[in-house]
Amino acid sequence: MPTLYRMILPQRGDVYVKCGADILLNGLKTDLKAEARCPVCGGVTRFQVIQKRIEDLIPKDPMLHVVEFDMRPGHLGVECESTHIFDTKDCLTKWLSTYAGKQGLVVSLPDYMSSLNKRLPRKVSPE
């Protein structure tokens, strides 16, 4: 079922996910291409995740509003209804003006990816 958030995975092709953070969390595990539709204007943000970094971001400065909650150590929960990628700051501002949910973090995609990389444990392979 199509959603606002589509990943294109090397092995599986198109996969739709519930929120923008899902794309970035998947990007910790595999390289992927992604498309996100702004929930306000429908504008498309495109990017790739390569080696856990955001690449080829169009437009250059979309914003993420994310509501996180702690799960067990090393795991992160995201409240998808409140977590979106906005193609412009204007759209984010419009959406926030009517948003009544939990206070979220407003961050650029590269900064959020970087924070995920720092916070979530990496799988260590035996030597």
Protein backbone atom coordinates (compact mmCIF):
# COMPACT_ATOMS: atom_id res chain seq x y z
CA MET A 1 0.00 0.00 0.00
CA PRO A 2 1.60 3.33 -1.01
CA THR A 3 2.40 5.79 1.80
CA LEU A 4 4.20 9.14 1.79
CA TYR A 5 7.51 7.32 2.30
CA ARG A 6 9.07 4.98 -0.26
CA MET A 7 12.41 3.18 -0.11
CA ILE A 8 14.02 1.51 -3.09
CA LEU A 9 16.08 -1.36 -1.73
CA PRO A 10 18.76 -3.11 -3.78
CA GLN A 11 17.38 -6.61 -3.09
CA ARG A 12 13.63 -5.94 -2.80
CA GLY A 13 12.72 -2.95 -4.94
CA ASP A 14 10.03 -0.55 -3.69
CA VAL A 15 9.04 -0.76 -0.03
CA TYR A 16 6.63 1.74 1.55
CA VAL A 17 7.12 2.64 5.20
CA LYS A 18 5.03 4.59 7.71
CA CYS A 19 7.31 7.56 8.36
CA GLY A 20 10.46 9.38 7.37
CA ALA A 21 12.41 8.05 10.33
CA ASP A 22 11.73 4.48 9.14
CA ILE A 23 13.73 5.25 5.99
CA LEU A 24 16.67 6.54 8.02
CA LEU A 25 16.56 3.63 10.47
CA ASN A 26 16.60 1.19 7.52
CA GLY A 27 19.54 3.16 6.14
CA LEU A 28 21.57 2.06 9.17
CA LYS A 29 21.27 -1.52 7.88
CA THR A 30 21.49 -1.16 4.11
CA ASP A 31 22.20 1.34 1.35
CA LEU A 32 18.97 2.58 -0.21
CA LYS A 33 17.29 5.24 -2.32
CA ALA A 34 14.31 7.10 -0.90
CA GLU A 35 11.43 9.38 -1.76
CA ALA A 36 9.35 11.27 0.79
CA ARG A 37 6.22 13.31 0.05
CA CYS A 38 5.63 16.38 2.18
CA PRO A 39 2.39 15.89 4.18
CA VAL A 40 1.53 19.58 3.67
CA CYS A 41 2.17 20.35 -0.03
CA GLY A 42 2.95 16.92 -1.53
CA GLY A 43 6.40 18.08 -2.69
CA VAL A 44 8.90 15.24 -3.13
CA THR A 45 12.21 14.96 -1.29
CA ARG A 46 14.67 12.48 -2.83
CA PHE A 47 17.89 11.14 -1.35
CA GLN A 48 20.10 8.11 -0.99
CA VAL A 49 21.61 6.54 2.09
CA ILE A 50 25.07 5.23 1.29
CA GLN A 51 27.24 3.77 4.05
CA LYS A 52 24.94 5.31 6.67
CA ARG A 53 25.23 8.82 5.21
CA ILE A 54 22.65 10.95 3.40
CA GLU A 55 23.67 11.67 -0.21
CA ASP A 56 22.12 13.46 -3.23
CA LEU A 57 19.52 15.32 -1.15
CA ILE A 58 16.96 17.20 -3.30
CA PRO A 59 15.80 19.76 -2.22
CA LYS A 60 18.93 20.61 -0.25
CA ASP A 61 17.39 21.38 3.14
CA PRO A 62 14.25 19.41 3.97
CA MET A 63 13.42 19.14 7.67
CA LEU A 64 12.42 16.18 9.82
CA HIS A 65 10.01 16.41 12.75
CA VAL A 66 10.50 13.27 14.83
CA VAL A 67 8.96 12.07 18.09
CA GLU A 68 11.10 9.36 19.68
CA PHE A 69 10.54 7.17 22.70
CA ASP A 70 12.95 4.86 24.49
CA MET A 71 12.59 1.15 24.22
CA ARG A 72 15.08 -1.36 25.58
CA PRO A 73 18.76 -0.33 25.39
CA GLY A 74 20.03 -0.12 21.83
CA HIS A 75 16.52 0.20 20.39
CA LEU A 76 14.67 3.34 19.43
CA GLY A 77 10.95 3.81 19.01
CA VAL A 78 9.46 6.46 16.72
CA GLU A 79 5.87 7.73 16.84
CA CYS A 80 5.10 7.64 13.13
CA GLU A 81 1.91 9.74 13.19
CA SER A 82 4.06 12.66 14.42
CA THR A 83 7.20 12.00 12.37
CA HIS A 84 7.39 13.56 8.91
CA ILE A 85 9.84 14.87 6.32
CA PHE A 86 8.94 18.38 5.10
CA ASP A 87 10.40 19.67 1.84
CA THR A 88 10.49 23.28 3.09
CA LYS A 89 10.64 25.09 6.42
CA ASP A 90 7.38 26.86 5.44
CA CYS A 91 5.56 23.53 5.27
CA LEU A 92 7.02 22.47 8.62
CA THR A 93 5.88 25.77 10.17
CA LYS A 94 2.35 25.36 8.72
CA TRP A 95 2.10 21.79 10.00
CA LEU A 96 3.40 22.72 13.47
CA SER A 97 0.82 25.52 13.73
CA THR A 98 -1.99 22.92 13.92
CA TYR A 99 -0.03 20.02 15.49
CA ALA A 100 -1.22 19.12 18.98
CA GLY A 101 0.85 16.00 19.63
CA LYS A 102 4.02 15.41 21.62
CA GLN A 103 6.88 17.86 21.27
CA GLY A 104 9.29 16.48 18.71
CA LEU A 105 12.80 17.14 17.52
CA VAL A 106 13.15 19.34 14.42
CA VAL A 107 16.34 18.45 12.59
CA SER A 108 17.91 18.17 9.14
CA LEU A 109 18.09 14.69 7.61
CA PRO A 110 21.92 14.50 7.63
CA ASP A 111 22.04 15.62 11.29
CA TYR A 112 19.44 13.05 12.34
CA MET A 113 21.25 10.28 10.45
CA SER A 114 24.47 11.30 12.19
CA SER A 115 22.77 11.21 15.60
CA LEU A 116 21.34 7.72 14.88
CA ASN A 117 24.82 6.53 13.93
CA LYS A 118 26.18 7.77 17.26
CA ARG A 119 23.36 6.45 19.44
CA LEU A 120 22.49 3.04 18.04
CA PRO A 121 24.96 0.21 18.47
CA ARG A 122 26.70 -1.17 15.45
CA LYS A 123 26.73 -4.87 14.84
CA VAL A 124 30.23 -6.12 15.51
CA SER A 125 31.34 -9.04 13.44
CA PRO A 126 33.72 -11.57 15.00
CA GLU A 127 37.31 -11.19 13.88
